[in-house]
Amino acid sequence: MATFITTIKFTQQGIKGIDETTKRAAAMKTTAKKLGTKIKDIYWTLGDHDGVLIFEAPDDETATSLLLYLGSLGNVHTTTVRAFTAAEMDKILAKVHPG
């Protein structure tokens, strides 16, 4: 499964309902499983972003479905990157200089 890291910023709606943020996160974990993704970690953070979501998905399309679901709820804006383990990066690097 591919790993994705998403930074989260609360919308006005998300801030107004901040008392429910951990409950929303728990509900999202359940939905993520139904969509074929796995939430690895959720962190609430200080600084430029309000949170970080680390999840796995079998492909980009499945990851996108989770992010579209999350965005459709109206509580957060997201920015996502694909993350690679050292083993995955070694495979990529082996293709940089073929033969």
N, C-alpha and C. Protein backbone atom coordinates (compact mmCIF):
# COMPACT_ATOMS: atom_id res chain seq x y z
N MET A 1 0.85 -1.18 0.00
CA MET A 1 0.00 0.00 0.00
C MET A 1 0.90 1.24 0.00
N ALA A 2 0.45 2.26 -0.69
CA ALA A 2 1.17 3.52 -0.75
C ALA A 2 0.85 4.35 0.49
N THR A 3 1.83 5.14 0.92
CA THR A 3 1.65 6.01 2.08
C THR A 3 1.46 7.45 1.62
N PHE A 4 0.53 8.14 2.28
CA PHE A 4 0.23 9.54 1.98
C PHE A 4 0.28 10.34 3.28
N ILE A 5 0.79 11.56 3.18
CA ILE A 5 0.82 12.46 4.32
C ILE A 5 0.02 13.70 3.95
N THR A 6 -0.97 14.01 4.77
CA THR A 6 -1.87 15.13 4.51
C THR A 6 -1.77 16.14 5.63
N THR A 7 -1.55 17.41 5.26
CA THR A 7 -1.63 18.47 6.25
C THR A 7 -3.05 19.02 6.21
N ILE A 8 -3.52 19.43 7.37
CA ILE A 8 -4.91 19.83 7.55
C ILE A 8 -4.97 21.24 8.13
N LYS A 9 -5.90 22.03 7.60
CA LYS A 9 -6.23 23.34 8.17
C LYS A 9 -7.74 23.37 8.39
N PHE A 10 -8.15 23.78 9.58
CA PHE A 10 -9.57 23.87 9.87
C PHE A 10 -10.22 24.99 9.06
N THR A 11 -11.43 24.74 8.60
CA THR A 11 -12.26 25.78 8.01
C THR A 11 -12.98 26.50 9.14
N GLN A 12 -13.72 27.55 8.80
CA GLN A 12 -14.54 28.24 9.82
C GLN A 12 -15.50 27.24 10.47
N GLN A 13 -16.11 26.38 9.66
CA GLN A 13 -17.03 25.36 10.17
C GLN A 13 -16.31 24.42 11.13
N GLY A 14 -15.10 24.02 10.76
CA GLY A 14 -14.33 23.11 11.61
C GLY A 14 -13.96 23.72 12.94
N ILE A 15 -13.64 25.02 12.93
CA ILE A 15 -13.31 25.71 14.17
C ILE A 15 -14.55 25.85 15.05
N LYS A 16 -15.69 26.17 14.44
CA LYS A 16 -16.92 26.32 15.22
C LYS A 16 -17.28 25.01 15.92
N GLY A 17 -16.98 23.89 15.28
CA GLY A 17 -17.29 22.58 15.86
C GLY A 17 -16.06 21.89 16.44
N ILE A 18 -15.10 22.67 16.93
CA ILE A 18 -13.82 22.11 17.38
C ILE A 18 -13.99 21.07 18.50
N ASP A 19 -15.02 21.21 19.30
CA ASP A 19 -15.23 20.25 20.40
C ASP A 19 -15.49 18.84 19.89
N GLU A 20 -15.86 18.71 18.62
CA GLU A 20 -16.16 17.41 18.03
C GLU A 20 -15.00 16.85 17.21
N THR A 21 -13.86 17.53 17.19
CA THR A 21 -12.78 17.15 16.27
C THR A 21 -12.28 15.72 16.48
N THR A 22 -12.14 15.27 17.70
CA THR A 22 -11.66 13.90 17.91
C THR A 22 -12.73 12.88 17.55
N LYS A 23 -13.98 13.23 17.74
CA LYS A 23 -15.07 12.33 17.34
C LYS A 23 -15.15 12.24 15.82
N ARG A 24 -14.94 13.38 15.14
CA ARG A 24 -14.93 13.36 13.67
C ARG A 24 -13.78 12.51 13.16
N ALA A 25 -12.64 12.60 13.82
CA ALA A 25 -11.47 11.81 13.41
C ALA A 25 -11.76 10.31 13.57
N ALA A 26 -12.38 9.93 14.66
CA ALA A 26 -12.72 8.52 14.88
C ALA A 26 -13.70 8.02 13.81
N ALA A 27 -14.68 8.85 13.48
CA ALA A 27 -15.65 8.47 12.44
C ALA A 27 -14.96 8.35 11.09
N MET A 28 -13.98 9.22 10.84
CA MET A 28 -13.27 9.16 9.57
C MET A 28 -12.48 7.86 9.44
N LYS A 29 -11.92 7.38 10.55
CA LYS A 29 -11.18 6.11 10.51
C LYS A 29 -12.09 4.97 10.05
N THR A 30 -13.31 4.97 10.53
CA THR A 30 -14.28 3.95 10.13
C THR A 30 -14.61 4.05 8.65
N THR A 31 -14.85 5.27 8.19
CA THR A 31 -15.15 5.47 6.77
C THR A 31 -13.95 5.13 5.90
N ALA A 32 -12.76 5.49 6.35
CA ALA A 32 -11.54 5.20 5.59
C ALA A 32 -11.41 3.71 5.33
N LYS A 33 -11.70 2.92 6.34
CA LYS A 33 -11.63 1.47 6.19
C LYS A 33 -12.61 0.98 5.12
N LYS A 34 -13.82 1.53 5.13
CA LYS A 34 -14.83 1.16 4.14
C LYS A 34 -14.39 1.53 2.73
N LEU A 35 -13.61 2.61 2.61
CA LEU A 35 -13.13 3.06 1.31
C LEU A 35 -11.89 2.30 0.82
N GLY A 36 -11.34 1.45 1.69
CA GLY A 36 -10.16 0.68 1.31
C GLY A 36 -8.84 1.33 1.67
N THR A 37 -8.89 2.31 2.58
CA THR A 37 -7.68 2.96 3.07
C THR A 37 -7.49 2.65 4.54
N LYS A 38 -6.29 2.94 5.04
CA LYS A 38 -6.01 2.71 6.45
C LYS A 38 -5.35 3.94 7.04
N ILE A 39 -5.99 4.51 8.05
CA ILE A 39 -5.43 5.66 8.76
C ILE A 39 -4.35 5.12 9.70
N LYS A 40 -3.12 5.58 9.50
CA LYS A 40 -2.01 5.15 10.36
C LYS A 40 -1.93 6.02 11.61
N ASP A 41 -1.99 7.34 11.41
CA ASP A 41 -1.90 8.29 12.53
C ASP A 41 -2.64 9.57 12.19
N ILE A 42 -3.16 10.21 13.24
CA ILE A 42 -3.73 11.55 13.14
C ILE A 42 -3.13 12.35 14.28
N TYR A 43 -2.60 13.53 13.93
CA TYR A 43 -2.02 14.42 14.93
C TYR A 43 -2.65 15.79 14.80
N TRP A 44 -2.93 16.43 15.92
CA TRP A 44 -3.32 17.83 15.96
C TRP A 44 -2.04 18.58 16.24
N THR A 45 -1.79 19.67 15.50
CA THR A 45 -0.48 20.32 15.57
C THR A 45 -0.60 21.82 15.82
N LEU A 46 0.52 22.40 16.21
CA LEU A 46 0.67 23.84 16.35
C LEU A 46 1.44 24.34 15.13
N GLY A 47 1.29 25.60 14.80
CA GLY A 47 2.05 26.16 13.69
C GLY A 47 1.19 26.42 12.47
N ASP A 48 1.79 26.25 11.30
CA ASP A 48 1.11 26.57 10.05
C ASP A 48 -0.08 25.67 9.74
N HIS A 49 -0.09 24.48 10.31
CA HIS A 49 -1.18 23.54 10.04
C HIS A 49 -1.83 23.12 11.36
N ASP A 50 -3.09 22.77 11.26
CA ASP A 50 -3.83 22.36 12.46
C ASP A 50 -3.74 20.87 12.73
N GLY A 51 -3.30 20.11 11.72
CA GLY A 51 -3.18 18.68 11.91
C GLY A 51 -2.45 18.00 10.78
N VAL A 52 -2.11 16.75 11.03
CA VAL A 52 -1.45 15.90 10.04
C VAL A 52 -2.13 14.54 10.05
N LEU A 53 -2.41 14.04 8.88
CA LEU A 53 -3.03 12.73 8.69
C LEU A 53 -2.06 11.86 7.90
N ILE A 54 -1.75 10.69 8.41
CA ILE A 54 -0.90 9.74 7.70
C ILE A 54 -1.75 8.52 7.41
N PHE A 55 -1.86 8.18 6.12
CA PHE A 55 -2.70 7.04 5.76
C PHE A 55 -2.11 6.25 4.61
N GLU A 56 -2.62 5.05 4.44
CA GLU A 56 -2.21 4.17 3.36
C GLU A 56 -3.40 3.89 2.46
N ALA A 57 -3.11 3.76 1.17
CA ALA A 57 -4.14 3.42 0.19
C ALA A 57 -3.49 2.57 -0.90
N PRO A 58 -4.26 1.71 -1.53
CA PRO A 58 -3.69 0.84 -2.56
C PRO A 58 -3.29 1.59 -3.84
N ASP A 59 -3.89 2.78 -4.06
CA ASP A 59 -3.57 3.53 -5.27
C ASP A 59 -4.02 4.98 -5.09
N ASP A 60 -3.63 5.82 -6.06
CA ASP A 60 -3.96 7.25 -5.99
C ASP A 60 -5.46 7.50 -6.01
N GLU A 61 -6.18 6.71 -6.78
CA GLU A 61 -7.63 6.91 -6.89
C GLU A 61 -8.33 6.66 -5.55
N THR A 62 -7.90 5.63 -4.85
CA THR A 62 -8.50 5.33 -3.55
C THR A 62 -8.14 6.40 -2.54
N ALA A 63 -6.90 6.87 -2.58
CA ALA A 63 -6.48 7.97 -1.70
C ALA A 63 -7.33 9.21 -1.98
N THR A 64 -7.54 9.49 -3.24
CA THR A 64 -8.34 10.65 -3.62
C THR A 64 -9.77 10.53 -3.12
N SER A 65 -10.33 9.34 -3.15
CA SER A 65 -11.70 9.16 -2.66
C SER A 65 -11.79 9.51 -1.18
N LEU A 66 -10.79 9.12 -0.39
CA LEU A 66 -10.78 9.46 1.03
C LEU A 66 -10.69 10.97 1.22
N LEU A 67 -9.82 11.61 0.46
CA LEU A 67 -9.63 13.05 0.61
C LEU A 67 -10.85 13.85 0.14
N LEU A 68 -11.50 13.38 -0.91
CA LEU A 68 -12.72 14.04 -1.36
C LEU A 68 -13.83 13.88 -0.32
N TYR A 69 -13.92 12.70 0.27
CA TYR A 69 -14.89 12.48 1.35
C TYR A 69 -14.61 13.46 2.49
N LEU A 70 -13.36 13.51 2.92
CA LEU A 70 -12.98 14.38 4.04
C LEU A 70 -13.30 15.84 3.72
N GLY A 71 -12.93 16.29 2.54
CA GLY A 71 -13.20 17.66 2.14
C GLY A 71 -14.68 17.97 2.04
N SER A 72 -15.48 16.99 1.62
CA SER A 72 -16.92 17.22 1.44
C SER A 72 -17.64 17.48 2.76
N LEU A 73 -17.03 17.12 3.86
CA LEU A 73 -17.65 17.36 5.17
C LEU A 73 -17.57 18.83 5.57
N GLY A 74 -16.63 19.57 4.96
CA GLY A 74 -16.56 21.01 5.17
C GLY A 74 -15.80 21.49 6.39
N ASN A 75 -15.13 20.59 7.10
CA ASN A 75 -14.44 20.99 8.33
C ASN A 75 -12.97 21.31 8.14
N VAL A 76 -12.38 20.83 7.05
CA VAL A 76 -10.94 21.03 6.84
C VAL A 76 -10.62 21.24 5.37
N HIS A 77 -9.47 21.88 5.15
CA HIS A 77 -8.83 21.95 3.84
C HIS A 77 -7.59 21.07 3.96
N THR A 78 -7.23 20.38 2.89
CA THR A 78 -6.10 19.46 2.95
C THR A 78 -5.09 19.72 1.84
N THR A 79 -3.86 19.33 2.13
CA THR A 79 -2.78 19.27 1.13
C THR A 79 -2.09 17.94 1.35
N THR A 80 -1.92 17.16 0.28
CA THR A 80 -1.43 15.80 0.42
C THR A 80 -0.20 15.56 -0.45
N VAL A 81 0.73 14.77 0.09
CA VAL A 81 1.90 14.32 -0.66
C VAL A 81 2.00 12.80 -0.55
N ARG A 82 2.60 12.20 -1.54
CA ARG A 82 2.89 10.75 -1.53
C ARG A 82 4.22 10.59 -0.84
N ALA A 83 4.32 9.65 0.09
CA ALA A 83 5.55 9.41 0.85
C ALA A 83 6.12 8.05 0.45
N PHE A 84 7.45 7.94 0.48
CA PHE A 84 8.13 6.71 0.11
C PHE A 84 9.04 6.24 1.25
N THR A 85 9.03 4.95 1.53
CA THR A 85 9.94 4.37 2.50
C THR A 85 11.33 4.29 1.87
N ALA A 86 12.34 3.96 2.67
CA ALA A 86 13.70 3.80 2.13
C ALA A 86 13.73 2.68 1.10
N ALA A 87 13.03 1.59 1.35
CA ALA A 87 13.01 0.46 0.41
C ALA A 87 12.37 0.88 -0.91
N GLU A 88 11.26 1.63 -0.84
CA GLU A 88 10.61 2.11 -2.05
C GLU A 88 11.52 3.08 -2.81
N MET A 89 12.22 3.92 -2.07
CA MET A 89 13.12 4.88 -2.71
C MET A 89 14.29 4.16 -3.38
N ASP A 90 14.79 3.09 -2.77
CA ASP A 90 15.88 2.32 -3.39
C ASP A 90 15.44 1.76 -4.74
N LYS A 91 14.20 1.27 -4.83
CA LYS A 91 13.67 0.76 -6.10
C LYS A 91 13.58 1.87 -7.14
N ILE A 92 13.15 3.04 -6.71
CA ILE A 92 13.06 4.18 -7.62
C ILE A 92 14.45 4.57 -8.10
N LEU A 93 15.39 4.65 -7.19
CA LEU A 93 16.74 5.06 -7.54
C LEU A 93 17.42 4.06 -8.48
N ALA A 94 17.08 2.80 -8.36
CA ALA A 94 17.65 1.78 -9.24
C ALA A 94 17.24 2.03 -10.69
N LYS A 95 16.13 2.72 -10.91
CA LYS A 95 15.66 3.02 -12.26
C LYS A 95 16.25 4.32 -12.82
N VAL A 96 16.88 5.11 -11.96
CA VAL A 96 17.42 6.40 -12.39
C VAL A 96 18.58 6.20 -13.37
N HIS A 97 19.41 5.21 -13.10
CA HIS A 97 20.58 4.93 -13.94
C HIS A 97 20.51 3.49 -14.44
N PRO A 98 19.63 3.22 -15.39
CA PRO A 98 19.47 1.83 -15.87
C PRO A 98 20.73 1.31 -16.55
N GLY A 99 20.98 0.03 -16.36
CA GLY A 99 22.07 -0.67 -17.03
C GLY A 99 23.36 -0.13 -16.72
